[in-house]
Amino acid sequence: MLKQQLAQKQQLKLLPQQLMLVKLLEATTAELDERIVQELESNPALEEMSQEEVERENDAEVDILESNSEQDTFDLTDYAVDDDIPDYKLKINNYSKDDIQNEIPFSEDITFYEYLQNQVGLRSLSKQMAKLILYVIGNIDSDGYLRRKTEDMLDDLLFQNGEVVTGKEIEEAISEIQTFDPAGVGARSVQECLSLQLARKDENDSVNLALNIVEFHFDDLAHKNYDKIIAELKVDQALLRDAFHEILRLNPKPGSAWTTLMDRNKEMVIPDFIVENDNGHLMVTLNDRNRHVLRVSTDFQQIQQQMHLQKNKSRQEKDATYYVKQQIESAEMFIDSLKRRNITLLSTMLAIVEMQRPFFLDGDETLLRPMILKDIAEKTQLDVSTISRVSNSKYVQTEFGTFPLKFFFFQMVQTESGEELSTHAIKSALQSIVDKEDKKNPLTDDQIAEFLAKQGFDIARRTVAKYRAQMSIPMSQMRREW
């Protein structure tokens, strides 16, 4: 039985402007640039000022300030330039013929998967086999490995494409792919990947021995049990050393070597903040390498004024008035959110620099103070979640290098004696000990703990193991060099 009833409930909802601000806070410098371009293309009421207009406005502001230097009540926000500036074109193809002629040509880049797919057309294959190979290529990951089981691919082909394929046909397709470039592609394990690469090398004693080791003594090789390999294979050390060198020259991730131009750009870090030291005075600025000076289109403002004066509007004119009003409000909201974002980012970074001032002056990690998100939130009077969004994926450029903001947030470690120590100082000392150890007889975690204790870092072995893992330092057996 259906029944209607009224109910009251409290629900917290974010306003559109708050949601926009949250997204802008999370955006990095590169992501923000993309977002601004998208907003310019989608909202005709938003336009970007040219460099000449910005300089002209700055000069006008300077003149106003100089002429009103004696008036304390002057407010810069009251000043606005009312020039009749033509609407900025927001199309991607907004270039003249001269611009196109002077443009520098770039070679077209293809992805790893396109490279594999292009090789299918160079083989003498049946139409069915070529189609099957293209499907298998789609299941290869970015490292070049085929990690899906044959049974899973057969099920997908049957239920999604309605194709009945045998396991033998799938294996034939995989074998064909494993003859593609780069060598090792299509392997289902590291062992198979290395074997495929060695099989393509010109045969000699060291290559044959390397292939034997990879195929039949891979576990001993992975755990660096060199003495066991020597005892079982009964070979001299010189030949074994050459075989190891052959293995070390192989690529365990053949797909990762095929890096596109876009992938390389993704690896490049663009700092969001710049901290400069001017004789002990630290200056913090936002990175404005792709700075966009935005404003509401003057053309849209004039159209809105004209429509507002009109009386007895038709339905079409009312819709147009609403559209113009909506676009202008959206542009104003975006510009305001950008200003709020910049203020929030700067205040957060200023608080971090203030708390970690000794590090920004000397660059010594041991001078870093324990700091958590709550400390910065209290200093800036912002919410902890806001500080978390600001510090996530953001980088700061200093004269000592570029660091992620998360680098400056850490807690103290309490030793067994109750003393509090900096995690950065411990990790720095741990790295130094590992760098100086005898690689033929590397130190265990217990031995590292003893060396740290002599330097004043009295921590447990399990703490050493945890920090070693965080620093991507292998265990002693894996660090051993033959």
Foldseek 3Di string as FASTA:
>chain_A
DDDDDDDDDDDDDDDPLRVLLLVCLLDEPVRVLVVVLVLVQVFQQKDFDDPVRVVVVVVVLVVVCVVCVVPPPDDSVVDDDDDPDDRDDSDPPPDDPVCVVPDDDDDDWDALLVLLLVVLVVDPDDPVLNVLLNLQSVQQDLLQENQDDLVVSQVCCCPVVVDHDDSVSNVVSLVVSCVDPPHQHSHNDLLSSLLRVLVPDDDDLLSVVLNCCSVPVVVCVQLVVVVVVCVVVVDDPVSPVSNVVSSVPDDSRRSVVRAIPVNVVVPDADAQWEWEQDPNDIDIDGDCPVPTDMDGDPVLVVVLVVLVPDPPDDPVSVVVNVVSVVSRVVNVSSVVSVVVSRVLLVLLVVLLCVQQVVCLVPVDQQSQDAAALVSSCVVSVHDSVSSVSNQPSHWYQGPNGIDRSVSNHDHWDAAPVGDTGDPSVLLVLLVVQQVPADQQQGDALVVSCVVVVVVVRNHDSVVSVVSCVVVVNDGSSSSHDD
